[in-house]
Amino acid sequence: MAQSTKDESKASGAFVQTPSAFRNFISKDPNVPFSAVPGRYHLYIAYICPWASRCYAVLKLKGLEEVISVSVAKSQPGKTKEDEDHVGWLFPASDTEEEGAQPDPLYGAGSIRALYELANPNYVGKYSVPVLWDKKLKTIVNNESSEIIRMFNSEFNDFAKNAALDLYPPQLRSQIDEINEWIFDGINIGVYKCGFAQKQGPYDEAVEKLFEALDRCEDILGKQRYLCGGTFTEADIRLFVTLIRFDETYAVNFKCNKKLVREYPNLFNYTKEIYQMPPITATVHMDHIRRGYYSMPSLNPSGIVPIGPSIDYSSAHDRGRFSTGSFIDLNLGQ
């Protein structure tokens, strides 16, 4: 049966994310089934999706645009088959249908679902993005964003423009893993636990944990430039993709309105600094994000998209008060 986000709820009313189904790994080893070769792989994303956006962010930061091609689905989901009720990611029919979205260049697929069914005609589950596609074998390599960003960080360094940038350096890995765990549980998936809770109890639990985690981040970022000190890492990217969507969508549509990110001085300036890194700026399309989140019928039946708040993330930030780190030394930020 085709699944969507609204199906990811337990009898208790709590939201539980469905695990990713495709978990192969690309390696720089030329003797493995999925070897790192320029032009072989294609990344499918949607700008609305934070999981897909963090993959695109790492791709851009590493300078892999000429190595791995990218396609963007439409911002608003729709019916993937005329005779079914399933709603999912769609591709536009032309480059002009929606700015920033493109038709599928490989197979002319109408939806992300069609790619899953091409990879496995018997697939049953959720048709999510990101999708890392193998053009050679015509299959999905991986649809788990946390694993895709690791592949992009290390396995394509022979072809990356910014090979020296290491977002998961060995000396920080245990710290990054620990930070990722509580930020994912409390913030990344935490906003979804709030938005898709079906009962008051699970919502109350999720929203309390969410703001405890945000308060914790605010405290950390009041003492250092990034989550792991002076070095910009994947942990910062994973937090950023939720923060940049928070005030514009999650605060309202996901009922996460206890406090806004722009009411946290350290978090807000941190978000602005990361947004202003040129490779990251190119991955944020707020029009797509707004239209996508407010088109979820289970949360916003009218489909009306709010006019604001239209936050200026390009305004000056104060993160320069901290010493710079390895990311800044590569001249990718300011």
Protein backbone atom coordinates (compact mmCIF):
# COMPACT_ATOMS: atom_id res chain seq x y z
CA MET A 1 0.00 0.00 0.00
CA ALA A 2 1.26 3.49 -0.85
CA GLN A 3 2.08 5.46 2.29
CA SER A 4 2.41 9.14 3.12
CA THR A 5 3.32 11.19 6.20
CA LYS A 6 -0.21 11.12 7.57
CA ASP A 7 0.07 7.32 7.87
CA GLU A 8 3.02 7.51 10.27
CA SER A 9 1.05 7.55 13.51
CA LYS A 10 0.65 4.99 16.31
CA ALA A 11 -2.58 4.14 18.09
CA SER A 12 -1.38 6.38 20.92
CA GLY A 13 -1.58 9.36 18.58
CA ALA A 14 2.20 9.82 18.40
CA PHE A 15 4.05 10.36 15.10
CA VAL A 16 6.68 7.72 14.25
CA GLN A 17 8.87 8.13 11.17
CA THR A 18 9.03 5.17 8.78
CA PRO A 19 12.61 3.87 8.34
CA SER A 20 14.23 4.34 4.94
CA ALA A 21 14.12 1.26 2.75
CA PHE A 22 17.11 1.60 0.41
CA ARG A 23 20.42 1.53 2.29
CA ASN A 24 23.22 0.77 -0.18
CA PHE A 25 26.46 2.72 0.08
CA ILE A 26 28.60 4.36 -2.57
CA SER A 27 32.32 3.88 -2.02
CA LYS A 28 35.51 5.23 -3.56
CA ASP A 29 36.54 1.56 -3.86
CA PRO A 30 36.25 0.77 -7.61
CA ASN A 31 35.50 -2.92 -6.91
CA VAL A 32 32.17 -2.46 -5.10
CA PRO A 33 28.76 -2.55 -6.81
CA PHE A 34 28.21 1.18 -6.23
CA SER A 35 31.53 2.87 -6.87
CA ALA A 36 32.07 6.62 -6.87
CA VAL A 37 32.11 7.58 -10.55
CA PRO A 38 31.37 11.04 -11.98
CA GLY A 39 28.09 11.20 -13.88
CA ARG A 40 26.74 7.88 -12.66
CA TYR A 41 24.44 9.14 -9.91
CA HIS A 42 21.49 11.50 -9.75
CA LEU A 43 19.96 13.15 -6.68
CA TYR A 44 16.20 13.78 -6.54
CA ILE A 45 15.07 16.33 -3.97
CA ALA A 46 12.27 18.72 -3.05
CA TYR A 47 13.15 22.12 -1.59
CA ILE A 48 10.38 21.80 1.00
CA CYS A 49 11.96 18.68 2.53
CA PRO A 50 14.65 19.25 5.19
CA TRP A 51 16.04 15.72 4.77
CA ALA A 52 16.53 16.22 1.02
CA SER A 53 17.83 19.75 1.48
CA ARG A 54 20.62 18.67 3.78
CA CYS A 55 21.84 16.29 1.06
CA TYR A 56 21.76 19.08 -1.51
CA ALA A 57 23.58 21.37 0.93
CA VAL A 58 26.45 18.91 1.36
CA LEU A 59 26.60 18.32 -2.39
CA LYS A 60 26.95 22.07 -2.95
CA LEU A 61 29.42 22.59 -0.12
CA LYS A 62 31.68 19.84 -1.44
CA GLY A 63 31.49 21.19 -4.98
CA LEU A 64 29.94 18.08 -6.53
CA GLU A 65 27.55 19.80 -8.95
CA GLU A 66 29.45 18.48 -12.00
CA VAL A 67 29.77 15.00 -10.50
CA ILE A 68 26.23 14.26 -9.32
CA SER A 69 23.27 15.70 -11.22
CA VAL A 70 20.19 16.99 -9.38
CA SER A 71 16.47 17.30 -10.07
CA VAL A 72 13.87 19.13 -7.95
CA ALA A 73 10.27 17.96 -7.57
CA LYS A 74 7.32 20.35 -7.34
CA SER A 75 6.65 22.05 -4.03
CA GLN A 76 3.07 20.84 -3.70
CA PRO A 77 2.27 17.12 -3.65
CA GLY A 78 -0.53 15.64 -5.71
CA LYS A 79 -2.13 12.37 -6.73
CA THR A 80 0.49 9.96 -8.01
CA LYS A 81 -2.05 7.74 -9.78
CA GLU A 82 -5.46 8.73 -11.06
CA ASP A 83 -7.19 5.64 -9.68
CA GLU A 84 -5.67 5.94 -6.17
CA ASP A 85 -5.88 8.44 -3.33
CA HIS A 86 -2.14 8.45 -2.62
CA VAL A 87 -0.63 11.93 -2.61
CA GLY A 88 3.10 12.35 -3.14
CA TRP A 89 5.96 14.18 -4.83
CA LEU A 90 5.35 15.13 -8.47
CA PHE A 91 7.53 16.43 -11.28
CA PRO A 92 6.40 19.37 -13.42
CA ALA A 93 5.53 18.76 -17.05
CA SER A 94 7.87 21.57 -18.15
CA ASP A 95 10.61 23.83 -16.82
CA THR A 96 8.17 26.74 -16.71
CA GLU A 97 5.40 25.07 -14.67
CA GLU A 98 7.02 26.02 -11.33
CA GLU A 99 10.16 28.03 -10.89
CA GLY A 100 12.91 25.91 -9.37
CA ALA A 101 11.34 22.55 -10.26
CA GLN A 102 12.26 20.45 -13.30
CA PRO A 103 10.81 17.51 -15.22
CA ASP A 104 12.53 14.20 -14.58
CA PRO A 105 15.47 14.24 -17.03
CA LEU A 106 16.17 10.50 -16.93
CA TYR A 107 12.88 8.72 -17.60
CA GLY A 108 10.24 11.43 -17.86
CA ALA A 109 8.67 10.09 -14.65
CA GLY A 110 5.65 11.96 -13.41
CA SER A 111 6.34 11.31 -9.74
CA ILE A 112 8.90 10.13 -7.23
CA ARG A 113 6.65 7.11 -6.75
CA ALA A 114 7.27 6.08 -10.35
CA LEU A 115 11.01 5.93 -9.65
CA TYR A 116 10.50 3.70 -6.62
CA GLU A 117 8.37 1.36 -8.72
CA LEU A 118 10.98 1.39 -11.50
CA ALA A 119 13.63 0.38 -8.96
CA ASN A 120 11.38 -2.26 -7.40
CA PRO A 121 7.97 -3.05 -8.92
CA ASN A 122 6.99 -4.83 -5.70
CA TYR A 123 7.97 -1.98 -3.39
CA VAL A 124 5.49 -1.24 -0.60
CA GLY A 125 6.08 1.78 1.59
CA LYS A 126 6.64 5.50 1.59
CA TYR A 127 7.84 7.30 -1.57
CA SER A 128 10.12 9.85 0.04
CA VAL A 129 12.92 12.20 -0.94
CA PRO A 130 15.86 12.34 -1.09
CA VAL A 131 16.44 9.64 -3.67
CA LEU A 132 20.00 8.89 -4.71
CA TRP A 133 19.66 7.15 -8.07
CA ASP A 134 22.10 4.97 -10.00
CA LYS A 135 21.78 5.69 -13.72
CA LYS A 136 23.85 2.63 -14.62
CA LEU A 137 21.79 0.04 -12.75
CA LYS A 138 18.54 2.04 -12.92
CA THR A 139 17.83 1.69 -9.26
CA ILE A 140 17.75 3.59 -5.98
CA VAL A 141 21.05 3.43 -4.14
CA ASN A 142 19.87 5.07 -0.95
CA ASN A 143 17.00 7.17 0.39
CA GLU A 144 18.36 7.81 3.89
CA SER A 145 19.66 11.38 4.09
CA SER A 146 22.01 10.80 7.02
CA GLU A 147 23.87 8.20 4.96
CA ILE A 148 23.79 10.17 1.71
CA ILE A 149 25.51 13.17 3.30
CA ARG A 150 28.28 10.90 4.57
CA MET A 151 28.82 9.52 1.06
CA PHE A 152 28.97 13.02 -0.40
CA ASN A 153 31.38 14.13 2.30
CA SER A 154 34.01 11.43 1.78
CA GLU A 155 33.51 9.07 -1.15
CA PHE A 156 33.67 11.56 -4.05
CA ASN A 157 36.70 13.52 -2.86
CA ASP A 158 38.71 12.54 -5.94
CA PHE A 159 36.28 14.66 -7.98
CA ALA A 160 35.07 17.28 -5.49
CA LYS A 161 36.04 20.93 -5.90
CA ASN A 162 36.18 21.28 -2.11
CA ALA A 163 37.70 17.94 -1.20
CA ALA A 164 39.53 19.43 1.78
CA LEU A 165 36.25 20.25 3.50
CA ASP A 166 35.48 17.46 5.97
CA LEU A 167 32.07 17.75 7.60
CA TYR A 168 32.63 14.59 9.65
CA PRO A 169 36.26 14.82 10.79
CA PRO A 170 37.61 11.80 12.71
CA GLN A 171 38.50 13.75 15.84
CA LEU A 172 34.92 15.05 16.20
CA ARG A 173 32.91 12.01 15.15
CA SER A 174 31.84 10.86 18.59
CA GLN A 175 30.79 14.40 19.47
CA ILE A 176 28.92 14.84 16.18
CA ASP A 177 27.12 11.52 16.62
CA GLU A 178 26.01 12.45 20.14
CA ILE A 179 24.77 15.89 19.05
CA ASN A 180 23.00 14.46 16.01
CA GLU A 181 21.10 12.03 18.20
CA TRP A 182 19.47 14.52 20.54
CA ILE A 183 18.93 17.16 17.85
CA PHE A 184 17.23 14.62 15.60
CA ASP A 185 14.97 13.33 18.35
CA GLY A 186 14.11 16.68 19.86
CA ILE A 187 14.23 19.08 16.90
CA ASN A 188 14.51 17.54 13.41
CA ILE A 189 11.84 14.90 13.90
CA GLY A 190 10.54 16.73 16.96
CA VAL A 191 8.69 19.32 14.89
CA TYR A 192 6.99 16.50 12.97
CA LYS A 193 6.03 14.81 16.23
CA CYS A 194 4.29 18.06 17.16
CA GLY A 195 2.66 18.68 13.80
CA PHE A 196 1.37 15.18 13.18
CA ALA A 197 0.42 14.21 16.72
CA GLN A 198 -3.14 12.92 16.78
CA LYS A 199 -3.72 13.37 20.51
CA GLN A 200 -2.92 16.02 23.10
CA GLY A 201 -0.62 13.87 25.23
CA PRO A 202 1.92 13.00 22.51
CA TYR A 203 1.84 16.63 21.30
CA ASP A 204 2.55 17.97 24.80
CA GLU A 205 5.45 15.56 25.24
CA ALA A 206 6.93 16.39 21.83
CA VAL A 207 6.64 20.15 22.16
CA GLU A 208 8.24 20.13 25.61
CA LYS A 209 11.18 18.09 24.29
CA LEU A 210 11.45 20.37 21.24
CA PHE A 211 11.88 23.55 23.23
CA GLU A 212 14.19 21.91 25.74
CA ALA A 213 16.45 20.99 22.80
CA LEU A 214 16.22 24.48 21.28
CA ASP A 215 17.10 26.00 24.65
CA ARG A 216 20.07 23.65 24.85
CA CYS A 217 21.26 24.75 21.39
CA GLU A 218 20.84 28.40 22.35
CA ASP A 219 23.06 27.85 25.36
CA ILE A 220 25.76 26.01 23.38
CA LEU A 221 25.80 28.63 20.63
CA GLY A 222 26.17 31.40 23.17
CA LYS A 223 29.60 29.98 24.00
CA GLN A 224 30.96 28.88 20.61
CA ARG A 225 30.44 29.50 16.91
CA TYR A 226 29.20 26.05 15.91
CA LEU A 227 27.81 23.00 17.65
CA CYS A 228 31.22 21.35 17.83
CA GLY A 229 33.19 24.45 18.70
CA GLY A 230 35.07 26.33 15.97
CA THR A 231 34.54 23.72 13.26
CA PHE A 232 31.52 23.69 10.98
CA THR A 233 30.25 20.09 10.65
CA GLU A 234 27.35 18.01 9.40
CA ALA A 235 25.69 18.55 12.79
CA ASP A 236 25.28 22.22 11.92
CA ILE A 237 23.73 21.41 8.56
CA ARG A 238 21.30 18.97 10.16
CA LEU A 239 20.18 21.60 12.67
CA PHE A 240 20.08 24.44 10.12
CA VAL A 241 17.56 22.80 7.78
CA THR A 242 15.01 22.73 10.60
CA LEU A 243 15.80 26.20 11.92
CA ILE A 244 15.43 27.87 8.50
CA ARG A 245 11.89 26.40 8.21
CA PHE A 246 10.85 26.98 11.80
CA ASP A 247 9.42 30.51 11.94
CA GLU A 248 8.08 30.34 8.38
CA THR A 249 6.20 27.05 8.69
CA TYR A 250 6.65 24.90 11.79
CA ALA A 251 5.68 27.58 14.32
CA VAL A 252 2.22 27.87 12.75
CA ASN A 253 1.43 24.76 10.75
CA PHE A 254 3.08 22.32 13.17
CA LYS A 255 1.87 24.12 16.32
CA CYS A 256 5.44 24.87 17.47
CA ASN A 257 4.58 28.40 18.55
CA LYS A 258 5.86 28.59 22.13
CA LYS A 259 8.83 30.61 20.92
CA LEU A 260 10.24 31.61 17.53
CA VAL A 261 13.81 31.06 16.38
CA ARG A 262 14.21 34.81 15.92
CA GLU A 263 13.47 35.19 19.64
CA TYR A 264 16.62 33.17 20.39
CA PRO A 265 19.53 35.61 19.75
CA ASN A 266 22.21 32.96 19.31
CA LEU A 267 20.12 30.56 17.23
CA PHE A 268 18.85 33.33 14.97
CA ASN A 269 22.30 34.77 14.26
CA TYR A 270 23.65 31.24 13.76
CA THR A 271 20.88 30.52 11.25
CA LYS A 272 21.66 33.72 9.36
CA GLU A 273 25.37 32.95 9.21
CA ILE A 274 24.82 29.49 7.75
CA TYR A 275 22.17 30.75 5.34
CA GLN A 276 24.62 33.36 4.04
CA MET A 277 27.24 30.75 3.10
CA PRO A 278 26.85 30.86 -0.71
CA PRO A 279 26.50 27.11 -1.27
CA ILE A 280 23.76 26.97 1.40
CA THR A 281 21.85 30.01 0.12
CA ALA A 282 21.34 28.22 -3.19
CA THR A 283 19.57 25.33 -1.45
CA VAL A 284 16.89 27.41 0.30
CA HIS A 285 13.78 28.31 -1.72
CA MET A 286 11.33 29.76 0.78
CA ASP A 287 8.48 29.97 -1.75
CA HIS A 288 8.70 26.20 -2.24
CA ILE A 289 8.93 25.65 1.51
CA ARG A 290 5.85 27.75 2.29
CA ARG A 291 3.72 26.35 -0.52
CA GLY A 292 4.70 22.80 0.30
CA TYR A 293 4.05 22.81 4.02
CA TYR A 294 0.81 24.76 3.80
CA SER A 295 -0.52 22.44 1.11
CA MET A 296 -0.68 19.50 3.54
CA PRO A 297 -4.45 18.86 3.68
CA SER A 298 -4.39 17.07 7.03
CA LEU A 299 -2.90 20.17 8.65
CA ASN A 300 -4.24 22.98 6.50
CA PRO A 301 -7.42 21.88 4.67
CA SER A 302 -7.95 25.26 3.00
CA GLY A 303 -4.49 25.24 1.44
CA ILE A 304 -4.14 28.98 2.09
CA VAL A 305 -0.47 30.02 2.21
CA PRO A 306 0.31 32.77 4.76
CA ILE A 307 1.84 35.97 3.45
CA GLY A 308 4.68 36.11 5.96
CA PRO A 309 6.71 36.44 7.99
CA SER A 310 9.30 36.84 5.18
CA ILE A 311 12.34 36.95 7.46
CA ASP A 312 15.49 38.57 6.12
CA TYR A 313 18.12 35.92 6.69
CA SER A 314 20.61 37.98 4.67
CA SER A 315 20.81 40.68 7.33
CA ALA A 316 23.94 41.09 9.43
CA HIS A 317 24.79 38.45 12.04
CA ASP A 318 27.12 38.55 15.03
CA ARG A 319 28.82 35.16 14.80
CA GLY A 320 32.10 36.80 13.89
CA ARG A 321 32.60 37.44 17.60
CA PHE A 322 33.85 33.85 17.82
CA SER A 323 37.09 32.55 16.37
CA THR A 324 36.76 31.13 12.88
CA GLY A 325 36.97 27.43 12.07
CA SER A 326 38.03 25.12 9.28
CA PHE A 327 34.94 25.85 7.17
CA ILE A 328 35.61 29.57 7.07
CA ASP A 329 39.22 28.94 6.03
CA LEU A 330 37.91 27.50 2.76
CA ASN A 331 36.34 30.90 1.91
CA LEU A 332 32.87 29.42 1.62
CA GLY A 333 31.44 31.76 4.23
CA GLN A 334 32.06 35.09 5.86
